[in-house]
Amino acid sequence: MTSLQDLVQVARQGSFLAVVSTLRSDATIQSSVVNAGVLAHPVVGTEVVGFVTYGRAKLTNLRARPQISLTFRAGWQWVTVEGRAELVGPDDSHPDDADGLRALLRQVFTAAGGVHDDWDAYDRTMAEQRRTAVLVHPTRLYSNPIA
């Protein structure tokens, strides 16, 4: 049985890179590569898979159709998580305030293996680019056999 801990193990080996796929309005798939990791949801505390984006295509798709999948791989090992996306950003309503968003963006960044030596600069860039945290509530998790 595949777990989020298996996902983290594979993600760590693959620099936390994942192929993220969303559904376009014409029912075709839009995919790109993101850095993503596992973290505690900031409100309910359950484990979610998160990444940060400002990509118009992904956000447009997810606002209309929140179904999403992410596949992490390292060599021939891979883990896919499917679920529903929750958006937390400057253009999406959420109970967190600006300080909560700033903290969440940092938390997602570090869960995805990121390190930073100037958090103030990071915060400014995230705000200028209107970055959004995407939190995926897992509904299905599967993989090839992990050795």
Protein backbone atom coordinates (compact mmCIF):
# COMPACT_ATOMS: atom_id res chain seq x y z
CA MET A 1 0.00 0.00 0.00
CA THR A 2 1.32 3.43 -0.94
CA SER A 3 1.44 6.21 1.67
CA LEU A 4 2.34 9.87 1.77
CA GLN A 5 5.58 8.80 3.44
CA ASP A 6 6.36 6.73 0.31
CA LEU A 7 5.60 9.82 -1.74
CA VAL A 8 8.06 11.90 0.32
CA GLN A 9 10.74 9.22 -0.06
CA VAL A 10 10.44 9.25 -3.86
CA ALA A 11 10.02 13.03 -3.99
CA ARG A 12 13.20 13.60 -1.97
CA GLN A 13 15.19 11.41 -4.38
CA GLY A 14 13.79 13.37 -7.35
CA SER A 15 14.45 16.87 -5.91
CA PHE A 16 10.73 17.17 -5.05
CA LEU A 17 9.86 17.65 -8.72
CA ALA A 18 6.40 16.54 -9.79
CA VAL A 19 4.39 16.56 -12.98
CA VAL A 20 1.11 18.29 -12.15
CA SER A 21 -1.91 17.72 -14.37
CA THR A 22 -5.14 19.73 -14.44
CA LEU A 23 -8.24 19.53 -16.59
CA ARG A 24 -8.93 22.21 -19.21
CA SER A 25 -12.44 23.34 -20.12
CA ASP A 26 -12.29 21.26 -23.34
CA ALA A 27 -11.60 18.10 -21.25
CA THR A 28 -7.95 17.87 -22.32
CA ILE A 29 -5.09 17.64 -19.84
CA GLN A 30 -2.70 20.49 -19.06
CA SER A 31 0.59 19.40 -17.45
CA SER A 32 3.67 21.13 -16.12
CA VAL A 33 6.46 20.50 -13.63
CA VAL A 34 6.47 21.97 -10.11
CA ASN A 35 8.30 21.51 -6.83
CA ALA A 36 5.88 20.00 -4.32
CA GLY A 37 5.92 18.43 -0.88
CA VAL A 38 3.80 17.10 1.97
CA LEU A 39 2.77 19.41 4.80
CA ALA A 40 0.09 19.84 7.43
CA HIS A 41 -2.96 21.79 6.28
CA PRO A 42 -2.79 25.20 8.01
CA VAL A 43 -6.37 25.05 9.30
CA VAL A 44 -7.40 21.41 9.78
CA GLY A 45 -3.94 19.85 10.27
CA THR A 46 -4.40 16.87 7.92
CA GLU A 47 -1.56 16.05 5.55
CA VAL A 48 -1.83 17.60 2.09
CA VAL A 49 0.46 17.84 -0.90
CA GLY A 50 1.33 21.43 -1.68
CA PHE A 51 3.02 23.57 -4.28
CA VAL A 52 3.20 27.27 -5.10
CA THR A 53 2.26 28.69 -8.48
CA TYR A 54 1.33 31.77 -10.38
CA GLY A 55 0.69 29.93 -13.63
CA ARG A 56 -2.46 31.26 -15.26
CA ALA A 57 -3.38 27.95 -16.91
CA LYS A 58 -3.16 25.87 -13.73
CA LEU A 59 -5.04 28.39 -11.61
CA THR A 60 -7.76 28.96 -14.21
CA ASN A 61 -8.26 25.21 -14.55
CA LEU A 62 -8.25 24.58 -10.80
CA ARG A 63 -10.70 27.37 -10.02
CA ALA A 64 -13.21 25.81 -12.42
CA ARG A 65 -12.30 22.14 -11.95
CA PRO A 66 -10.32 21.38 -8.77
CA GLN A 67 -9.42 17.81 -9.76
CA ILE A 68 -5.65 17.42 -9.90
CA SER A 69 -2.93 14.80 -10.03
CA LEU A 70 0.78 15.01 -9.26
CA THR A 71 3.32 12.35 -10.15
CA PHE A 72 6.72 12.25 -8.46
CA ARG A 73 9.50 10.05 -9.83
CA ALA A 74 13.02 9.00 -9.02
CA GLY A 75 14.54 6.67 -11.59
CA TRP A 76 11.95 4.00 -12.27
CA GLN A 77 10.07 4.58 -9.03
CA TRP A 78 7.04 6.85 -9.09
CA VAL A 79 4.13 7.83 -6.88
CA THR A 80 0.95 9.57 -8.02
CA VAL A 81 -1.46 11.46 -5.79
CA GLU A 82 -4.90 12.48 -7.02
CA GLY A 83 -7.25 14.78 -5.20
CA ARG A 84 -9.03 18.09 -4.99
CA ALA A 85 -7.09 21.32 -4.93
CA GLU A 86 -7.69 24.11 -2.47
CA LEU A 87 -6.25 27.48 -3.51
CA VAL A 88 -4.86 29.91 -0.95
CA GLY A 89 -3.64 33.14 -2.46
CA PRO A 90 -4.26 36.82 -3.03
CA ASP A 91 -7.03 36.11 -5.56
CA ASP A 92 -8.72 33.26 -3.68
CA SER A 93 -10.75 33.66 -0.51
CA HIS A 94 -9.43 31.87 2.55
CA PRO A 95 -9.69 32.39 6.30
CA ASP A 96 -5.96 33.23 6.58
CA ASP A 97 -4.77 36.83 6.49
CA ALA A 98 -1.70 38.19 4.66
CA ASP A 99 0.64 36.98 7.42
CA GLY A 100 -0.97 33.54 7.24
CA LEU A 101 -0.44 33.42 3.46
CA ARG A 102 3.19 34.52 3.85
CA ALA A 103 3.80 31.76 6.40
CA LEU A 104 1.97 29.17 4.28
CA LEU A 105 4.01 30.00 1.15
CA ARG A 106 7.19 29.54 3.19
CA GLN A 107 5.90 26.26 4.63
CA VAL A 108 5.04 24.87 1.18
CA PHE A 109 8.44 25.99 -0.17
CA THR A 110 10.35 24.20 2.60
CA ALA A 111 8.15 21.06 2.37
CA ALA A 112 9.16 20.90 -1.29
CA GLY A 113 12.83 20.86 -0.35
CA GLY A 114 13.42 24.60 -0.67
CA VAL A 115 15.90 26.59 1.40
CA HIS A 116 16.32 30.35 1.40
CA ASP A 117 18.84 32.70 2.95
CA ASP A 118 16.72 35.86 2.60
CA TRP A 119 13.10 35.28 3.61
CA ASP A 120 12.23 38.95 3.27
CA ALA A 121 13.24 38.88 -0.41
CA TYR A 122 11.32 35.62 -0.85
CA ASP A 123 8.20 37.18 0.70
CA ARG A 124 8.46 40.27 -1.54
CA THR A 125 8.79 38.14 -4.68
CA MET A 126 5.83 35.96 -3.71
CA ALA A 127 3.68 39.05 -3.09
CA GLU A 128 4.79 40.83 -6.31
CA GLN A 129 4.06 37.73 -8.40
CA ARG A 130 0.76 37.11 -6.59
CA ARG A 131 1.77 33.53 -5.86
CA THR A 132 -0.86 31.04 -4.75
CA ALA A 133 -0.45 27.95 -2.59
CA VAL A 134 -2.18 24.89 -4.01
CA LEU A 135 -3.07 22.36 -1.32
CA VAL A 136 -4.11 18.95 -2.62
CA HIS A 137 -6.37 16.89 -0.40
CA PRO A 138 -5.45 13.31 -1.41
CA THR A 139 -8.28 11.03 -2.53
CA ARG A 140 -6.16 8.41 -4.30
CA LEU A 141 -2.50 7.46 -3.97
CA TYR A 142 -0.77 4.82 -6.07
CA SER A 143 2.66 3.79 -7.35
CA ASN A 144 4.78 1.12 -8.88
CA PRO A 145 6.25 -1.26 -6.29
CA ILE A 146 8.80 0.60 -4.16
CA ALA A 147 11.89 -1.41 -3.34
